[in-house]
Amino acid sequence: MNRSLTAIVEREGDGYVALCPELDVVSQGYSVSEARDNLAEALELFFETAPQEEVESRLRGEVYVTQIEVALG
């Protein structure tokens, strides 16, 4: 069974950090694709090893990623 989750990737120093906000799982890599792949692996390991109670307590049902415009000073 597959599940679609959100991956937010940000540059940090010489690499990239990838976050899954639905489960608060993070990984990193030297490129966007490596960070994303490492996050997918971390999520798979999380689902394989975490007790069902932990998965349910951490899992957020809906996450929306959007941009907003704000006035500066």
N, C-alpha and C. Protein backbone atom coordinates (compact mmCIF):
# COMPACT_ATOMS: atom_id res chain seq x y z
N MET A 1 0.84 -1.18 0.00
CA MET A 1 0.00 0.00 0.00
C MET A 1 0.89 1.25 0.00
N ASN A 2 0.54 2.22 -0.78
CA ASN A 2 1.27 3.49 -0.84
C ASN A 2 0.43 4.61 -0.25
N ARG A 3 1.11 5.63 0.22
CA ARG A 3 0.43 6.80 0.76
C ARG A 3 1.17 8.04 0.26
N SER A 4 0.44 9.04 -0.18
CA SER A 4 1.04 10.30 -0.61
C SER A 4 1.25 11.20 0.60
N LEU A 5 2.47 11.69 0.75
CA LEU A 5 2.83 12.58 1.84
C LEU A 5 3.53 13.81 1.26
N THR A 6 3.64 14.84 2.04
CA THR A 6 4.27 16.09 1.62
C THR A 6 5.76 16.06 1.93
N ALA A 7 6.57 16.58 1.01
CA ALA A 7 8.00 16.75 1.24
C ALA A 7 8.32 18.22 1.00
N ILE A 8 8.81 18.89 2.03
CA ILE A 8 9.25 20.28 1.92
C ILE A 8 10.77 20.25 1.96
N VAL A 9 11.41 20.77 0.91
CA VAL A 9 12.86 20.72 0.81
C VAL A 9 13.40 22.15 0.83
N GLU A 10 14.37 22.38 1.71
CA GLU A 10 14.99 23.70 1.84
C GLU A 10 16.51 23.55 1.77
N ARG A 11 17.14 24.56 1.19
CA ARG A 11 18.61 24.59 1.20
C ARG A 11 19.07 24.94 2.60
N GLU A 12 20.09 24.23 3.05
CA GLU A 12 20.71 24.53 4.35
C GLU A 12 22.21 24.33 4.20
N GLY A 13 22.94 25.42 4.21
CA GLY A 13 24.39 25.33 4.03
C GLY A 13 24.73 24.77 2.66
N ASP A 14 25.55 23.71 2.65
CA ASP A 14 25.97 23.08 1.40
C ASP A 14 25.02 22.00 0.92
N GLY A 15 23.94 21.75 1.65
CA GLY A 15 23.02 20.68 1.29
C GLY A 15 21.58 21.10 1.38
N TYR A 16 20.72 20.10 1.49
CA TYR A 16 19.28 20.31 1.54
C TYR A 16 18.68 19.48 2.67
N VAL A 17 17.65 20.04 3.29
CA VAL A 17 16.91 19.35 4.35
C VAL A 17 15.50 19.12 3.83
N ALA A 18 15.01 17.90 4.01
CA ALA A 18 13.66 17.54 3.56
C ALA A 18 12.82 17.18 4.78
N LEU A 19 11.63 17.75 4.85
CA LEU A 19 10.71 17.56 5.98
C LEU A 19 9.39 17.01 5.49
N CYS A 20 8.87 16.02 6.19
CA CYS A 20 7.51 15.55 5.98
C CYS A 20 6.68 16.09 7.14
N PRO A 21 5.88 17.15 6.91
CA PRO A 21 5.15 17.76 8.02
C PRO A 21 4.03 16.89 8.58
N GLU A 22 3.51 15.95 7.80
CA GLU A 22 2.45 15.09 8.32
C GLU A 22 2.92 14.24 9.49
N LEU A 23 4.21 13.86 9.48
CA LEU A 23 4.73 12.98 10.53
C LEU A 23 5.90 13.58 11.30
N ASP A 24 6.33 14.78 10.91
CA ASP A 24 7.48 15.44 11.54
C ASP A 24 8.73 14.57 11.44
N VAL A 25 8.97 14.04 10.24
CA VAL A 25 10.16 13.25 9.94
C VAL A 25 11.04 14.08 9.01
N VAL A 26 12.35 14.09 9.28
CA VAL A 26 13.29 14.92 8.54
C VAL A 26 14.46 14.07 8.06
N SER A 27 15.00 14.44 6.89
CA SER A 27 16.23 13.85 6.40
C SER A 27 16.99 14.92 5.64
N GLN A 28 18.12 14.54 5.04
CA GLN A 28 18.94 15.53 4.35
C GLN A 28 19.68 14.88 3.20
N GLY A 29 20.29 15.71 2.35
CA GLY A 29 21.09 15.22 1.23
C GLY A 29 21.86 16.37 0.61
N TYR A 30 22.74 16.03 -0.33
CA TYR A 30 23.56 17.04 -0.98
C TYR A 30 22.87 17.66 -2.20
N SER A 31 21.74 17.10 -2.61
CA SER A 31 20.93 17.66 -3.69
C SER A 31 19.47 17.55 -3.30
N VAL A 32 18.61 18.24 -4.03
CA VAL A 32 17.17 18.16 -3.75
C VAL A 32 16.70 16.72 -3.89
N SER A 33 17.10 16.07 -4.98
CA SER A 33 16.62 14.69 -5.20
C SER A 33 17.17 13.73 -4.16
N GLU A 34 18.42 13.91 -3.72
CA GLU A 34 18.97 13.05 -2.69
C GLU A 34 18.25 13.26 -1.36
N ALA A 35 17.97 14.51 -1.01
CA ALA A 35 17.25 14.79 0.23
C ALA A 35 15.85 14.18 0.18
N ARG A 36 15.19 14.29 -0.96
CA ARG A 36 13.85 13.72 -1.13
C ARG A 36 13.89 12.20 -1.04
N ASP A 37 14.86 11.58 -1.70
CA ASP A 37 14.99 10.11 -1.65
C ASP A 37 15.31 9.65 -0.23
N ASN A 38 16.19 10.38 0.47
CA ASN A 38 16.52 10.02 1.85
C ASN A 38 15.32 10.17 2.76
N LEU A 39 14.49 11.18 2.50
CA LEU A 39 13.27 11.35 3.29
C LEU A 39 12.32 10.18 3.05
N ALA A 40 12.18 9.77 1.80
CA ALA A 40 11.32 8.62 1.49
C ALA A 40 11.80 7.37 2.22
N GLU A 41 13.12 7.16 2.26
CA GLU A 41 13.67 6.01 2.98
C GLU A 41 13.41 6.13 4.48
N ALA A 42 13.59 7.32 5.03
CA ALA A 42 13.34 7.52 6.46
C ALA A 42 11.87 7.27 6.79
N LEU A 43 10.98 7.70 5.92
CA LEU A 43 9.54 7.47 6.15
C LEU A 43 9.20 5.99 6.07
N GLU A 44 9.78 5.28 5.11
CA GLU A 44 9.53 3.85 5.00
C GLU A 44 10.01 3.13 6.26
N LEU A 45 11.20 3.50 6.75
CA LEU A 45 11.71 2.90 7.98
C LEU A 45 10.83 3.24 9.17
N PHE A 46 10.34 4.48 9.21
CA PHE A 46 9.44 4.88 10.29
C PHE A 46 8.19 4.00 10.29
N PHE A 47 7.57 3.82 9.13
CA PHE A 47 6.35 3.01 9.05
C PHE A 47 6.63 1.54 9.37
N GLU A 48 7.83 1.05 9.05
CA GLU A 48 8.18 -0.34 9.33
C GLU A 48 8.43 -0.59 10.82
N THR A 49 8.95 0.41 11.52
CA THR A 49 9.42 0.17 12.90
C THR A 49 8.58 0.82 13.99
N ALA A 50 7.87 1.89 13.69
CA ALA A 50 7.12 2.60 14.73
C ALA A 50 5.86 1.83 15.11
N PRO A 51 5.54 1.81 16.38
CA PRO A 51 4.27 1.20 16.80
C PRO A 51 3.10 1.98 16.18
N GLN A 52 2.03 1.29 15.90
CA GLN A 52 0.86 1.92 15.28
C GLN A 52 0.36 3.11 16.09
N GLU A 53 0.46 3.04 17.42
CA GLU A 53 0.01 4.14 18.26
C GLU A 53 0.82 5.41 17.99
N GLU A 54 2.14 5.24 17.77
CA GLU A 54 2.98 6.40 17.48
C GLU A 54 2.64 6.99 16.12
N VAL A 55 2.44 6.14 15.13
CA VAL A 55 2.06 6.62 13.80
C VAL A 55 0.78 7.43 13.90
N GLU A 56 -0.22 6.89 14.58
CA GLU A 56 -1.51 7.58 14.70
C GLU A 56 -1.39 8.89 15.47
N SER A 57 -0.54 8.93 16.51
CA SER A 57 -0.43 10.15 17.31
C SER A 57 0.32 11.26 16.56
N ARG A 58 1.22 10.88 15.64
CA ARG A 58 2.00 11.88 14.92
C ARG A 58 1.37 12.30 13.60
N LEU A 59 0.55 11.46 13.02
CA LEU A 59 0.04 11.70 11.68
C LEU A 59 -0.99 12.82 11.66
N ARG A 60 -0.72 13.83 10.87
CA ARG A 60 -1.66 14.94 10.67
C ARG A 60 -2.43 14.66 9.39
N GLY A 61 -3.72 14.83 9.43
CA GLY A 61 -4.58 14.46 8.31
C GLY A 61 -4.40 15.30 7.06
N GLU A 62 -4.33 16.59 7.21
CA GLU A 62 -4.23 17.47 6.05
C GLU A 62 -3.15 18.51 6.27
N VAL A 63 -2.29 18.66 5.28
CA VAL A 63 -1.25 19.68 5.31
C VAL A 63 -1.32 20.42 3.98
N TYR A 64 -1.33 21.72 4.04
CA TYR A 64 -1.38 22.54 2.83
C TYR A 64 -0.11 23.37 2.75
N VAL A 65 0.53 23.34 1.61
CA VAL A 65 1.71 24.16 1.37
C VAL A 65 1.31 25.21 0.35
N THR A 66 1.44 26.46 0.75
CA THR A 66 1.04 27.57 -0.10
C THR A 66 1.96 28.74 0.15
N GLN A 67 1.85 29.76 -0.66
CA GLN A 67 2.63 30.97 -0.45
C GLN A 67 1.70 32.12 -0.14
N ILE A 68 2.19 33.06 0.67
CA ILE A 68 1.41 34.26 0.98
C ILE A 68 2.28 35.47 0.69
N GLU A 69 1.66 36.59 0.44
CA GLU A 69 2.38 37.83 0.20
C GLU A 69 2.12 38.77 1.37
N VAL A 70 3.19 39.34 1.91
CA VAL A 70 3.08 40.26 3.04
C VAL A 70 3.84 41.54 2.73
N ALA A 71 3.40 42.63 3.35
CA ALA A 71 4.07 43.91 3.17
C ALA A 71 5.33 43.94 4.02
N LEU A 72 6.38 44.47 3.49
CA LEU A 72 7.64 44.60 4.21
C LEU A 72 7.78 46.03 4.73
N GLY A 73 7.96 46.13 6.07
CA GLY A 73 8.21 47.39 6.74
C GLY A 73 7.36 48.48 6.28
